[in-house]
Structure formats: C-alpha cells, structure tokens
Amino acid sequence: MTKNKPAMYNKAADFWGASRDYFAGASRLKVENGQRRDSMNTHTVEKIGGTSMSDYRAVRDNIILKNGRAKAEGLYRRVFVVSAYGGITDMLLEHKKSGRPGVFALFAGADDEREWSDAVAGLRSRMQEINAGLFTDQVTLAKANGFIGERLDDAANCLADLERVCQHGHFALEGHLDVVSEMLASLGEVHSAWNTVQLLKQEGINARFIDLTGWRDGEHMTLDERIQRAFADVDFETELPIATGYAHTADGLMKTFARGYSEMTFSRIAVLTGASEAIIHKEYHLSSADPRLVGEEQAVPIGRTNYDVADQLANLGMEAIHPRAAKGLRQKQIPLRVMNTFEPEHRGTLVTGDYVSDTPQVEIIAGRKNIYAVECFDQDMMGSMTSYDRAINETIARFKGSVVTKDTNANTITHYLGSNLKTVKRIKSAINERFPDCDIQVRKVAVVSAIGSDMKTSGMLSRAVSALASSGISILAVHQSMRQVDMQFVVDESDYENAVKSLHAALVEVHEHGEAICAA
C-alpha cells in the first residue's frame, strides 16, 4: 500500500483487458424520488482521499485529466466527492491514530475557552498555508482565505455562544456535542471542494461546487433528500460536479458512521444517480499486505475481490469502504474500483458482489494493533451466557466501543476492542458495576487476519498455524467462521509485524498472483 510502483506491479498492470466505456452515451442527469430519469448509466462517481487531495498536481493530472486520456475519453460524466486535505480532519476533531485532541475534543473537554480557541487559530493558519500553496494569484488567494475564513468565524462564534449558554444550569453541553462535531467536520470538506473547483476553473474546466454541508440553509433533511436536491439539475455533458464528502442530515452522519461519513455520501450519490461504477482514489493499492511489512516485491494488488472481503477489511479498520456504504452499492449492483492516485495507468482492484476466486486461496493478510482484549470471567456465567452477553454488549455500545471480534466458553466472554484505553477503562468499570463478582482482565494484543473471497479448502488453517509456530509466535486465540472468508489470529502486540510476514509468505507468496490477476 504505497505510492511507488514496485516491479511486481508491472506484471499486473494490464490484467483487466477490455472493460466498460466510462463515458459512452447519455446526456443529462435528473434525480427524482431516488431514481434517474434516463435509463443509461454512463457516469462514474469517484471519491478522492485526503492524502491524494493534498497533492493537487497528481489529482489534476492523474485523476481529472486521466493521465493524458481526457481528450480521447472526455472530461465530464463524472462526479467527484472529495475528502478534507490530509491532517485537517484530525485538527478539527482529534487525531485518528494518536488521539491527540483537535478543536472538537478540546471544546468537549476543556474548562478554558483559550484551548479550543487557540486550536481554531492554528487550524486557520494551516488552512491558509494550504491555500497559499495552491493559489499563486493574490486575488484568488484572498477569495479562498475569505471563503474558509467566514466558515471558521461562524463556527468559532457558535462554539463561544454555546459555551456561554451551557454555563446556565438548564443546558448541558453533552447534549449538543454531536451537532458540534458535525459542524466542525464539514469545514474540512468544504475547504477542499471549494478550492478544487476554483483550481479546475483556472484550467478551463467547467467544475461545479456542490455544497452538501447545509451551512446556514436552516433545513433538516435526510441524506437522500439533500443529494437529490443538489443533483437535480446537474448537466453531466458540460459540468464536472465537485461535492463535499460531508453532508448535513437531520440525524447526523457522524453519529452513525463516525469518520466514514464521506464514504456514505459517496455511496449514496452513486446509488441515487445510478452510477455505472464507483471509484475510490487512494494513495496506495489495495494490496495483498502492507508492502512496508512484507516488502514491495512480495505485495501485489489484489485485482479482483468481493464486498464480503471489503467488510472484513473494514472490521480491521482498513476500510476499502465503510460496510454500510458498501451495502448500497452491492444492492444496486454497482461495482467499486479502488485505484492508486499515483499509479494512474493501473486499473486498480475491482470489488463486486458476485466475485469468487477460481481456486480457494488467501487474497490478503491484514491486521490491527492497539487492540484491547477485555476478558470477563464469572463462575455464575454458566447457564446465563445470554444475559451476560447482552449486558456486556449494551455496555460496549453505550461507550461506543468498537468490537473487532469476540470469543466465549462456558464461563468466559472476551471482546477484542479497537478502542482507546480511556474508553476501555470506562467499559471495564461499567461491567464491574453490573457484575461485581466478574473477574475482568484487560490485555493489549494484535489481530492478524487471512482473508479471501473463497477459502473453503482443507489444510489452510493448519498451514497458517504452522507458519506462525515456525516463527516462534504464540497464538492467543483463533477464530474462523463457517462462512470461511477469513481466519483471525490473536497474538501479542510485539508479534504483529512478524505474524503478517509469516502468514503472507505461507499463504499468499506461494501463489503466482501476478499471473492469476492477468488471467482474471
């Protein structure tokens, strides 16, 4: 999963052969009651990730202009849904990996207004720095700074007013935090979308700004309603819509999808406009493993897989697409393609609902560190497993814990949580209050998974266990369901990298994946 193009990638560069023409037929998009008026699905809906957005030249040349193919294939009949520039959402909310507080986290937890106010000032400085790197014309630069500056001013004023109101005993800040996070999140995508439209217009491209953030419009509507209204008069023949990845809804996207909200916006646009294909542009290929761990010569693009595999990846926090977003695409039979922004000649990985590999095999080794195993042992659990399980699940849900997997026996339930330590401690304390006699142990572990569209063959599990044992890795737990699309191994966190390399060597590198991809 890298920007660079290793030699192995060259073997698979042309594996798709002939595929559908992106831009044949059709004229004008009409969205009414969630359905297109025209019958030909000829446009694509494409999402650009944050790291890619931070490199405008690559976005323009490799995505918008299609690596020089734009004249032949056409510029239009595409919708682009953009993420915030890399690092901006972390500054707005909190750092996704480190947990370092952003504006939202500081506002939610600070007693001193200066903390979040200083964070807003730092955010403004960073956004203006990004603008200065994009716009050389001082007039346009001033407009860009003025546009995002007005939004930042509005947001800061709202936070200050809300903080003052909530000093009164009748108002609780906690009841407003979901709305605050939504408001702040919208700033990242509206910044990048507005800028992209201005930059493309300078290139002579008729880009159109689609602001789904609902800023100051005073109307609360569903996601589908907002999309239908925004795209009702889009002319695909002559316009290139650039839509914000965040969309304001009555229920709130972040409340349900957290940081996966832009993928839900992307998916619903594709479904409601009847796209022929949904495309995600990332800074890496969807590869058989992380090249930084197994080596670039060993890791290869997957090429073909299905939505079931995408769901398993999402469960490990390595989202090709959020599972709820994938559901809509799968139901409407819209294929999803994951492409590397920095290798535009490669056709990427195609994800469909019906794909199954020709022979049972492992397609990808993925994993996740920073997992907390919360083991609950109680002698009284025997015969009352259902009530214990329900109560523990309700507690985890109340604190918004993320369950990666779990296991049970007669008197023990262990949940493996992809949550921060603070949340895990709260969950442990609440379980102890509910079950005072329960012995709860918390341990930091890693989960490594072997995933494939078809792994129904004898001996695969034993090969995986042997590979880990040969590398001196102690397996703490093993999970495999009857569906047989993944095998999960819980190991000590210190064994994570070695486990990924060992499983990849034993289960993936033994196959000629380059030839298999080309044959697909």
Protein backbone atom coordinates (compact mmCIF):
# COMPACT_ATOMS: atom_id res chain seq x y z
CA MET A 1 0.00 0.00 0.00
CA THR A 2 2.35 2.62 -1.32
CA LYS A 3 2.70 5.47 -3.77
CA ASN A 4 5.64 3.85 -5.50
CA LYS A 5 5.35 1.29 -8.26
CA PRO A 6 7.31 -1.89 -7.47
CA ALA A 7 8.38 -4.29 -10.19
CA MET A 8 5.71 -6.84 -9.24
CA TYR A 9 3.01 -4.28 -10.04
CA ASN A 10 4.14 -4.19 -13.68
CA LYS A 11 3.13 -7.85 -14.12
CA ALA A 12 -0.46 -6.98 -13.30
CA ALA A 13 -0.77 -3.57 -14.91
CA ASP A 14 -2.99 -4.70 -17.81
CA PHE A 15 -4.93 -7.52 -16.18
CA TRP A 16 -8.36 -6.08 -16.87
CA GLY A 17 -8.39 -6.23 -20.65
CA ALA A 18 -11.47 -4.72 -22.22
CA SER A 19 -13.92 -3.14 -19.76
CA ARG A 20 -16.90 -0.87 -19.95
CA ASP A 21 -16.54 2.50 -21.66
CA TYR A 22 -16.61 5.13 -18.89
CA PHE A 23 -18.14 7.82 -20.95
CA ALA A 24 -20.40 6.40 -23.69
CA GLY A 25 -23.93 7.72 -24.30
CA ALA A 26 -26.39 9.69 -22.14
CA SER A 27 -26.81 13.37 -21.67
CA ARG A 28 -28.43 14.93 -18.64
CA LEU A 29 -28.87 13.74 -15.07
CA LYS A 30 -32.25 14.02 -13.38
CA VAL A 31 -32.83 12.66 -9.89
CA GLU A 32 -36.43 12.27 -8.83
CA ASN A 33 -37.59 10.12 -5.90
CA GLY A 34 -34.20 8.50 -5.82
CA GLN A 35 -34.28 7.35 -9.44
CA ARG A 36 -32.65 8.59 -12.59
CA ARG A 37 -34.95 9.73 -15.37
CA ASP A 38 -32.61 8.48 -18.10
CA SER A 39 -32.06 4.75 -18.44
CA MET A 40 -28.39 4.63 -19.40
CA ASN A 41 -25.85 4.50 -16.61
CA THR A 42 -22.89 6.23 -18.16
CA HIS A 43 -21.31 8.31 -15.42
CA THR A 44 -18.99 7.40 -12.59
CA VAL A 45 -18.93 8.68 -9.02
CA GLU A 46 -15.39 8.99 -7.69
CA LYS A 47 -14.09 9.71 -4.20
CA ILE A 48 -10.65 11.23 -3.63
CA GLY A 49 -8.94 10.51 -0.30
CA GLY A 50 -7.33 13.11 1.91
CA THR A 51 -3.71 12.22 1.22
CA SER A 52 -4.39 12.36 -2.52
CA MET A 53 -6.20 15.69 -2.15
CA SER A 54 -3.05 17.15 -0.61
CA ASP A 55 -1.29 16.69 -3.96
CA TYR A 56 -3.32 18.83 -6.37
CA ARG A 57 -0.99 18.25 -9.31
CA ALA A 58 -1.45 14.47 -9.01
CA VAL A 59 -5.23 14.86 -8.67
CA ARG A 60 -5.40 17.10 -11.72
CA ASP A 61 -3.08 15.11 -13.95
CA ASN A 62 -3.80 11.54 -12.88
CA ILE A 63 -7.50 11.70 -11.96
CA ILE A 64 -9.18 14.69 -13.60
CA LEU A 65 -7.14 14.57 -16.83
CA LYS A 66 -6.81 10.78 -16.59
CA ASN A 67 -3.09 10.66 -17.24
CA GLY A 68 -3.47 12.25 -20.68
CA ARG A 69 -6.55 10.27 -21.74
CA ALA A 70 -9.07 13.05 -21.09
CA LYS A 71 -9.14 14.33 -24.68
CA ALA A 72 -9.96 10.90 -26.05
CA GLU A 73 -12.34 9.76 -23.31
CA GLY A 74 -13.84 13.08 -22.26
CA LEU A 75 -13.62 15.20 -19.14
CA TYR A 76 -17.20 15.04 -17.98
CA ARG A 77 -19.84 12.47 -16.98
CA ARG A 78 -18.12 12.11 -13.62
CA VAL A 79 -18.91 13.22 -10.08
CA PHE A 80 -16.06 13.76 -7.61
CA VAL A 81 -16.60 13.53 -3.87
CA VAL A 82 -13.64 14.99 -2.03
CA SER A 83 -12.20 14.43 1.42
CA ALA A 84 -10.54 17.12 3.50
CA TYR A 85 -6.84 17.72 2.92
CA GLY A 86 -4.60 15.32 4.81
CA GLY A 87 -4.47 16.09 8.53
CA ILE A 88 -7.24 18.71 8.54
CA THR A 89 -9.97 16.46 9.95
CA ASP A 90 -7.55 15.41 12.69
CA MET A 91 -7.13 19.09 13.58
CA LEU A 92 -10.90 19.61 13.52
CA LEU A 93 -11.86 16.58 15.61
CA GLU A 94 -8.99 14.57 17.03
CA HIS A 95 -6.06 12.64 15.56
CA LYS A 96 -7.41 9.36 14.21
CA LYS A 97 -4.44 7.29 15.37
CA SER A 98 -2.74 9.10 18.23
CA GLY A 99 -5.92 10.54 19.78
CA ARG A 100 -4.34 14.00 20.01
CA PRO A 101 -7.26 16.39 20.60
CA GLY A 102 -8.44 18.72 17.86
CA VAL A 103 -10.87 21.60 18.12
CA PHE A 104 -13.82 19.34 18.93
CA ALA A 105 -12.06 17.27 21.59
CA LEU A 106 -10.71 20.42 23.24
CA PHE A 107 -14.12 22.07 23.19
CA ALA A 108 -15.82 18.98 24.62
CA GLY A 109 -13.35 18.52 27.46
CA ALA A 110 -11.81 21.90 28.22
CA ASP A 111 -12.63 24.23 31.08
CA ASP A 112 -10.72 27.04 29.40
CA GLU A 113 -12.04 28.60 26.18
CA ARG A 114 -8.49 29.53 25.18
CA GLU A 115 -7.62 25.88 24.49
CA TRP A 116 -10.14 25.32 21.71
CA SER A 117 -9.86 28.94 20.56
CA ASP A 118 -6.11 28.52 20.09
CA ALA A 119 -6.79 25.31 18.17
CA VAL A 120 -9.13 27.22 15.82
CA ALA A 121 -6.38 29.79 15.26
CA GLY A 122 -3.90 27.00 14.46
CA LEU A 123 -6.41 25.42 12.08
CA ARG A 124 -6.97 28.74 10.32
CA SER A 125 -3.22 29.19 9.90
CA ARG A 126 -2.86 25.69 8.43
CA MET A 127 -5.76 26.16 6.01
CA GLN A 128 -4.33 29.47 4.83
CA GLU A 129 -0.95 27.78 4.40
CA ILE A 130 -2.59 25.16 2.17
CA ASN A 131 -4.32 27.90 0.18
CA ALA A 132 -1.03 29.75 -0.32
CA GLY A 133 0.49 26.61 -1.78
CA LEU A 134 -2.37 26.26 -4.27
CA PHE A 135 -3.16 29.79 -5.45
CA THR A 136 -0.40 31.96 -6.88
CA ASP A 137 -2.83 34.71 -7.90
CA GLN A 138 -3.28 37.05 -4.92
CA VAL A 139 -6.88 37.89 -5.80
CA THR A 140 -7.95 34.24 -5.86
CA LEU A 141 -5.89 33.53 -2.75
CA ALA A 142 -7.72 36.29 -0.91
CA LYS A 143 -11.07 34.84 -2.05
CA ALA A 144 -10.02 31.36 -0.86
CA ASN A 145 -8.93 32.68 2.54
CA GLY A 146 -12.10 34.74 2.79
CA PHE A 147 -14.35 31.78 1.98
CA ILE A 148 -12.94 29.39 4.57
CA GLY A 149 -12.31 32.25 7.00
CA GLU A 150 -16.02 33.11 7.05
CA ARG A 151 -16.88 29.49 7.83
CA LEU A 152 -14.29 29.37 10.60
CA ASP A 153 -15.62 32.61 12.08
CA ASP A 154 -19.17 31.24 12.08
CA ALA A 155 -18.05 28.02 13.74
CA ALA A 156 -15.98 29.81 16.41
CA ASN A 157 -18.87 32.15 17.21
CA CYS A 158 -21.24 29.17 17.53
CA LEU A 159 -18.85 27.43 19.92
CA ALA A 160 -18.44 30.53 22.06
CA ASP A 161 -22.21 31.13 22.20
CA LEU A 162 -22.90 27.50 23.05
CA GLU A 163 -20.29 27.52 25.78
CA ARG A 164 -21.90 30.59 27.35
CA VAL A 165 -25.41 29.12 27.14
CA CYS A 166 -24.29 25.86 28.72
CA GLN A 167 -22.94 27.70 31.75
CA HIS A 168 -26.60 28.03 32.70
CA GLY A 169 -27.83 25.04 34.69
CA HIS A 170 -30.72 24.28 32.34
CA PHE A 171 -28.43 23.46 29.41
CA ALA A 172 -25.99 20.53 29.24
CA LEU A 173 -23.09 20.69 26.81
CA GLU A 174 -23.14 16.91 26.31
CA GLY A 175 -26.49 17.15 24.60
CA HIS A 176 -25.06 19.36 21.85
CA LEU A 177 -21.72 17.67 21.16
CA ASP A 178 -22.97 15.52 18.26
CA VAL A 179 -24.09 18.64 16.41
CA VAL A 180 -20.79 20.38 17.19
CA SER A 181 -18.77 17.51 15.72
CA GLU A 182 -20.92 17.58 12.57
CA MET A 183 -20.47 21.33 12.17
CA LEU A 184 -16.69 21.14 12.59
CA ALA A 185 -16.27 18.12 10.32
CA SER A 186 -17.98 19.94 7.46
CA LEU A 187 -15.24 22.60 7.38
CA GLY A 188 -12.60 20.21 6.06
CA GLU A 189 -14.51 19.01 3.02
CA VAL A 190 -15.98 22.39 2.09
CA HIS A 191 -12.45 23.83 2.15
CA SER A 192 -11.03 21.24 -0.25
CA ALA A 193 -14.10 21.15 -2.53
CA TRP A 194 -14.28 24.93 -2.97
CA ASN A 195 -10.56 25.16 -3.65
CA THR A 196 -10.65 22.32 -6.18
CA VAL A 197 -13.45 23.98 -8.14
CA GLN A 198 -11.52 27.26 -8.36
CA LEU A 199 -8.33 25.50 -9.43
CA LEU A 200 -10.08 23.49 -12.13
CA LYS A 201 -11.82 26.57 -13.46
CA GLN A 202 -8.38 28.13 -13.88
CA GLU A 203 -7.54 25.10 -16.05
CA GLY A 204 -10.56 25.81 -18.28
CA ILE A 205 -12.65 23.00 -16.78
CA ASN A 206 -16.31 23.72 -16.03
CA ALA A 207 -16.25 22.49 -12.44
CA ARG A 208 -19.33 22.97 -10.26
CA PHE A 209 -19.25 23.32 -6.48
CA ILE A 210 -21.78 21.01 -4.79
CA ASP A 211 -22.03 22.08 -1.15
CA LEU A 212 -23.85 19.37 0.80
CA THR A 213 -22.92 20.77 4.22
CA GLY A 214 -26.23 22.60 4.69
CA TRP A 215 -24.40 25.64 6.05
CA ARG A 216 -26.93 28.32 7.03
CA ASP A 217 -29.72 26.77 4.94
CA GLY A 218 -31.89 26.13 8.01
CA GLU A 219 -33.41 22.94 6.60
CA HIS A 220 -33.06 19.48 8.09
CA MET A 221 -33.47 16.66 5.63
CA THR A 222 -32.32 13.10 5.03
CA LEU A 223 -29.09 12.36 3.21
CA ASP A 224 -31.01 11.13 0.17
CA GLU A 225 -33.15 14.25 0.06
CA ARG A 226 -30.11 16.53 0.25
CA ILE A 227 -28.36 14.67 -2.56
CA GLN A 228 -31.46 14.60 -4.76
CA ARG A 229 -31.91 18.34 -4.39
CA ALA A 230 -28.24 19.13 -5.05
CA PHE A 231 -28.02 16.99 -8.19
CA ALA A 232 -31.46 17.66 -9.65
CA ASP A 233 -30.18 19.96 -12.41
CA VAL A 234 -26.61 18.74 -12.94
CA ASP A 235 -25.67 18.52 -16.61
CA PHE A 236 -23.13 15.73 -16.95
CA GLU A 237 -22.30 16.69 -20.51
CA THR A 238 -20.94 20.11 -19.61
CA GLU A 239 -20.32 20.16 -15.84
CA LEU A 240 -17.89 18.44 -13.52
CA PRO A 241 -19.51 18.34 -10.05
CA ILE A 242 -17.14 18.52 -7.06
CA ALA A 243 -19.14 17.53 -3.97
CA THR A 244 -18.25 17.82 -0.31
CA GLY A 245 -17.60 14.47 1.38
CA TYR A 246 -19.57 15.70 4.37
CA ALA A 247 -23.33 16.12 4.01
CA HIS A 248 -25.60 17.60 6.67
CA THR A 249 -28.55 15.38 7.59
CA ALA A 250 -31.33 15.54 10.15
CA ASP A 251 -29.94 12.52 12.04
CA GLY A 252 -26.26 13.35 11.58
CA LEU A 253 -23.83 11.29 9.50
CA MET A 254 -21.07 11.18 12.10
CA LYS A 255 -23.39 9.82 14.76
CA THR A 256 -23.75 6.63 12.72
CA PHE A 257 -20.66 6.48 10.54
CA ALA A 258 -18.02 8.39 12.55
CA ARG A 259 -15.05 9.16 10.28
CA GLY A 260 -16.54 7.03 7.50
CA TYR A 261 -19.13 9.69 6.71
CA SER A 262 -17.58 10.72 3.38
CA GLU A 263 -17.81 7.15 2.10
CA MET A 264 -21.52 7.11 2.90
CA THR A 265 -22.02 10.37 0.99
CA PHE A 266 -20.05 8.92 -1.92
CA SER A 267 -22.07 5.69 -1.90
CA ARG A 268 -25.47 7.37 -1.78
CA ILE A 269 -24.57 9.73 -4.63
CA ALA A 270 -23.59 6.70 -6.71
CA VAL A 271 -26.79 4.83 -5.83
CA LEU A 272 -29.19 7.75 -6.28
CA THR A 273 -27.70 8.90 -9.58
CA GLY A 274 -27.44 5.37 -10.97
CA ALA A 275 -23.67 5.39 -11.50
CA SER A 276 -22.10 2.76 -13.71
CA GLU A 277 -19.14 2.47 -11.37
CA ALA A 278 -17.99 3.86 -8.02
CA ILE A 279 -14.27 4.62 -7.78
CA ILE A 280 -12.13 5.42 -4.76
CA HIS A 281 -8.76 7.06 -5.35
CA LYS A 282 -6.30 6.39 -2.53
CA GLU A 283 -2.57 6.89 -2.06
CA TYR A 284 -1.97 3.14 -2.25
CA HIS A 285 -3.17 -0.02 -3.94
CA LEU A 286 -5.47 -2.45 -2.19
CA SER A 287 -2.67 -4.96 -1.86
CA SER A 288 -2.15 -8.48 -0.56
CA ALA A 289 -0.45 -6.97 2.51
CA ASP A 290 1.22 -3.78 3.64
CA PRO A 291 4.37 -3.50 1.46
CA ARG A 292 6.14 -1.76 4.33
CA LEU A 293 5.90 -5.02 6.27
CA VAL A 294 6.24 -7.77 3.66
CA GLY A 295 8.29 -5.89 1.03
CA GLU A 296 7.20 -4.20 -2.18
CA GLU A 297 8.34 -7.11 -4.32
CA GLN A 298 6.12 -9.53 -2.39
CA ALA A 299 2.95 -7.42 -2.04
CA VAL A 300 0.73 -7.29 -5.14
CA PRO A 301 -2.56 -5.50 -5.92
CA ILE A 302 -5.46 -7.84 -5.26
CA GLY A 303 -7.05 -7.10 -8.65
CA ARG A 304 -10.46 -8.69 -8.03
CA THR A 305 -12.43 -9.36 -4.87
CA ASN A 306 -15.94 -9.02 -3.45
CA TYR A 307 -17.81 -6.90 -0.95
CA ASP A 308 -17.59 -9.64 1.68
CA VAL A 309 -13.81 -9.23 1.73
CA ALA A 310 -14.22 -5.45 1.89
CA ASP A 311 -16.36 -5.89 5.01
CA GLN A 312 -13.66 -7.99 6.69
CA LEU A 313 -11.08 -5.29 5.95
CA ALA A 314 -13.37 -2.62 7.38
CA ASN A 315 -13.73 -4.65 10.56
CA LEU A 316 -9.96 -4.38 10.97
CA GLY A 317 -10.01 -0.63 10.45
CA MET A 318 -8.51 -0.92 6.95
CA GLU A 319 -11.52 0.34 5.08
CA ALA A 320 -11.71 -0.01 1.35
CA ILE A 321 -15.20 1.34 2.07
CA HIS A 322 -17.48 1.56 5.11
CA PRO A 323 -19.70 -1.57 5.31
CA ARG A 324 -22.92 0.46 5.30
CA ALA A 325 -21.70 2.38 2.26
CA ALA A 326 -20.80 -0.87 0.53
CA LYS A 327 -24.28 -2.25 1.20
CA GLY A 328 -25.99 0.27 -1.08
CA LEU A 329 -23.52 -0.32 -3.89
CA ARG A 330 -23.89 -4.08 -3.57
CA GLN A 331 -27.69 -3.94 -3.58
CA LYS A 332 -27.70 -1.79 -6.72
CA GLN A 333 -25.00 -3.98 -8.30
CA ILE A 334 -22.65 -1.03 -8.72
CA PRO A 335 -19.03 -2.22 -8.93
CA LEU A 336 -16.45 -0.48 -6.76
CA ARG A 337 -12.94 0.16 -8.03
CA VAL A 338 -10.08 1.11 -5.69
CA MET A 339 -7.27 2.90 -7.52
CA ASN A 340 -3.85 4.31 -6.66
CA THR A 341 -3.79 8.04 -7.40
CA PHE A 342 -0.06 7.91 -8.01
CA GLU A 343 -0.19 4.99 -10.46
CA PRO A 344 -2.97 6.05 -12.85
CA GLU A 345 -2.11 3.57 -15.60
CA HIS A 346 -3.01 0.68 -13.28
CA ARG A 347 -6.69 -0.33 -13.30
CA GLY A 348 -6.71 -0.98 -9.55
CA THR A 349 -8.87 -3.50 -7.71
CA LEU A 350 -12.46 -4.20 -8.76
CA VAL A 351 -14.90 -5.12 -6.00
CA THR A 352 -18.22 -6.74 -6.97
CA GLY A 353 -20.90 -8.68 -5.17
CA ASP A 354 -20.63 -11.92 -7.13
CA TYR A 355 -16.88 -12.43 -7.49
CA VAL A 356 -15.36 -15.65 -6.16
CA SER A 357 -11.76 -16.66 -6.86
CA ASP A 358 -11.31 -19.52 -9.33
CA THR A 359 -9.48 -21.57 -6.72
CA PRO A 360 -9.75 -21.30 -2.92
CA GLN A 361 -6.97 -19.05 -1.71
CA VAL A 362 -6.00 -16.24 0.63
CA GLU A 363 -6.12 -12.85 -1.09
CA ILE A 364 -4.91 -10.53 1.64
CA ILE A 365 -3.20 -10.57 5.02
CA ALA A 366 -4.42 -7.66 7.12
CA GLY A 367 -4.33 -6.84 10.78
CA ARG A 368 -4.65 -4.32 13.51
CA LYS A 369 -2.57 -3.39 16.51
CA ASN A 370 -3.70 -1.44 19.58
CA ILE A 371 -6.45 -3.94 20.31
CA TYR A 372 -7.58 -4.45 23.90
CA ALA A 373 -8.75 -7.90 24.93
CA VAL A 374 -11.39 -7.49 27.67
CA GLU A 375 -11.81 -10.91 29.26
CA CYS A 376 -14.80 -11.34 31.59
CA PHE A 377 -14.78 -14.50 33.75
CA ASP A 378 -17.59 -15.37 36.13
CA GLN A 379 -18.39 -18.81 37.53
CA ASP A 380 -22.09 -17.86 37.52
CA MET A 381 -21.97 -17.27 33.75
CA MET A 382 -22.57 -20.97 33.11
CA GLY A 383 -26.23 -21.28 32.16
CA SER A 384 -26.69 -17.48 31.99
CA MET A 385 -24.48 -16.73 29.00
CA THR A 386 -27.20 -14.89 27.09
CA SER A 387 -27.91 -12.36 29.84
CA TYR A 388 -24.20 -11.72 30.43
CA ASP A 389 -23.55 -11.35 26.72
CA ARG A 390 -26.45 -8.94 26.26
CA ALA A 391 -25.43 -6.77 29.20
CA ILE A 392 -21.78 -6.60 28.13
CA ASN A 393 -22.71 -5.77 24.55
CA GLU A 394 -25.03 -2.99 25.75
CA THR A 395 -22.22 -1.56 27.88
CA ILE A 396 -19.77 -1.58 24.98
CA ALA A 397 -22.36 0.10 22.74
CA ARG A 398 -23.10 2.76 25.38
CA PHE A 399 -19.45 3.84 25.36
CA LYS A 400 -19.24 3.47 21.56
CA GLY A 401 -16.63 0.73 21.78
CA SER A 402 -15.52 -0.91 18.54
CA VAL A 403 -15.68 -4.72 18.62
CA VAL A 404 -13.24 -6.41 16.22
CA THR A 405 -14.07 -9.95 17.31
CA LYS A 406 -15.02 -11.94 20.40
CA ASP A 407 -14.94 -15.45 21.80
CA THR A 408 -16.79 -17.35 24.51
CA ASN A 409 -16.64 -20.54 26.51
CA ALA A 410 -18.72 -21.87 29.40
CA ASN A 411 -17.82 -19.11 31.87
CA THR A 412 -15.82 -16.50 29.91
CA ILE A 413 -16.59 -13.86 27.30
CA THR A 414 -13.70 -11.98 25.69
CA HIS A 415 -14.23 -8.94 23.48
CA TYR A 416 -11.38 -7.60 21.38
CA LEU A 417 -11.90 -3.84 21.19
CA GLY A 418 -10.37 -1.39 18.73
CA SER A 419 -10.91 1.48 21.14
CA ASN A 420 -8.61 3.76 23.12
CA LEU A 421 -7.55 2.90 26.65
CA LYS A 422 -9.77 5.57 28.21
CA THR A 423 -12.87 4.04 26.62
CA VAL A 424 -11.78 0.52 27.56
CA LYS A 425 -11.36 1.55 31.21
CA ARG A 426 -14.85 3.04 31.24
CA ILE A 427 -16.27 -0.16 29.75
CA LYS A 428 -14.45 -2.30 32.32
CA SER A 429 -15.71 -0.17 35.20
CA ALA A 430 -19.32 -0.30 33.97
CA ILE A 431 -19.19 -4.10 33.55
CA ASN A 432 -17.82 -4.43 37.07
CA GLU A 433 -20.71 -2.34 38.39
CA ARG A 434 -23.20 -4.61 36.63
CA PHE A 435 -21.41 -7.84 37.64
CA PRO A 436 -19.43 -7.23 40.86
CA ASP A 437 -18.18 -10.84 41.05
CA CYS A 438 -16.88 -10.83 37.48
CA ASP A 439 -13.10 -11.08 37.14
CA ILE A 440 -12.14 -8.75 34.28
CA GLN A 441 -8.68 -8.83 32.72
CA VAL A 442 -7.52 -6.34 30.09
CA ARG A 443 -4.60 -7.09 27.80
CA LYS A 444 -3.19 -5.28 24.79
CA VAL A 445 -2.98 -7.56 21.74
CA ALA A 446 -2.99 -7.56 17.94
CA VAL A 447 -5.32 -9.28 15.47
CA VAL A 448 -3.94 -10.63 12.19
CA SER A 449 -6.36 -11.98 9.61
CA ALA A 450 -6.09 -14.04 6.43
CA ILE A 451 -8.93 -13.01 4.12
CA GLY A 452 -10.24 -14.31 0.79
CA SER A 453 -13.41 -14.50 -1.29
CA ASP A 454 -13.19 -18.31 -1.12
CA MET A 455 -11.07 -20.09 1.48
CA LYS A 456 -13.07 -23.31 1.64
CA THR A 457 -10.30 -25.85 1.33
CA SER A 458 -8.84 -28.31 3.79
CA GLY A 459 -5.48 -27.66 5.39
CA MET A 460 -5.43 -23.85 5.10
CA LEU A 461 -5.90 -23.28 8.82
CA SER A 462 -3.22 -25.81 9.69
CA ARG A 463 -0.77 -24.15 7.27
CA ALA A 464 -1.43 -20.80 8.90
CA VAL A 465 -0.94 -22.16 12.41
CA SER A 466 2.25 -23.93 11.34
CA ALA A 467 3.63 -20.75 9.79
CA LEU A 468 3.08 -18.80 12.99
CA ALA A 469 4.50 -21.59 15.15
CA SER A 470 7.58 -21.86 12.93
CA SER A 471 8.19 -18.15 13.52
CA GLY A 472 8.01 -18.63 17.27
CA ILE A 473 4.70 -16.79 17.59
CA SER A 474 2.33 -17.85 20.34
CA ILE A 475 -1.33 -17.78 19.26
CA LEU A 476 -3.56 -16.40 22.00
CA ALA A 477 -6.85 -17.09 20.20
CA VAL A 478 -8.08 -18.30 16.80
CA HIS A 479 -11.39 -17.51 15.08
CA GLN A 480 -12.83 -18.95 11.88
CA SER A 481 -16.50 -18.93 10.95
CA MET A 482 -18.34 -21.45 8.78
CA ARG A 483 -18.52 -18.82 6.04
CA GLN A 484 -14.76 -19.25 5.64
CA VAL A 485 -13.84 -15.88 4.22
CA ASP A 486 -11.36 -15.09 6.96
CA MET A 487 -9.21 -16.57 9.72
CA GLN A 488 -8.30 -14.36 12.67
CA PHE A 489 -5.32 -14.90 14.92
CA VAL A 490 -4.92 -13.01 18.18
CA VAL A 491 -1.25 -12.57 19.05
CA ASP A 492 0.85 -10.48 21.38
CA GLU A 493 1.21 -6.95 20.02
CA SER A 494 5.01 -7.37 19.79
CA ASP A 495 4.47 -10.26 17.32
CA TYR A 496 2.25 -8.30 14.94
CA GLU A 497 4.73 -7.50 12.15
CA ASN A 498 6.29 -10.95 12.22
CA ALA A 499 2.85 -12.57 12.09
CA VAL A 500 1.85 -10.60 8.99
CA LYS A 501 5.09 -11.53 7.22
CA SER A 502 4.85 -15.19 8.20
CA LEU A 503 1.24 -15.60 7.05
CA HIS A 504 1.87 -13.71 3.82
CA ALA A 505 4.84 -15.91 2.97
CA ALA A 506 2.96 -19.12 3.73
CA LEU A 507 -0.47 -18.32 2.27
CA VAL A 508 0.00 -15.63 -0.41
CA GLU A 509 3.52 -15.70 -1.81
CA VAL A 510 3.19 -19.40 -2.65
CA HIS A 511 0.78 -18.46 -5.46
CA GLU A 512 1.59 -16.80 -8.78
CA HIS A 513 -0.71 -13.86 -8.13
CA GLY A 514 0.58 -11.76 -10.98
CA GLU A 515 -0.45 -14.45 -13.49
CA ALA A 516 -3.74 -15.08 -11.72
CA ILE A 517 -4.62 -11.40 -11.84
CA CYS A 518 -3.83 -11.15 -15.53
CA ALA A 519 -5.96 -14.20 -16.22
CA ALA A 520 -8.89 -12.59 -14.36
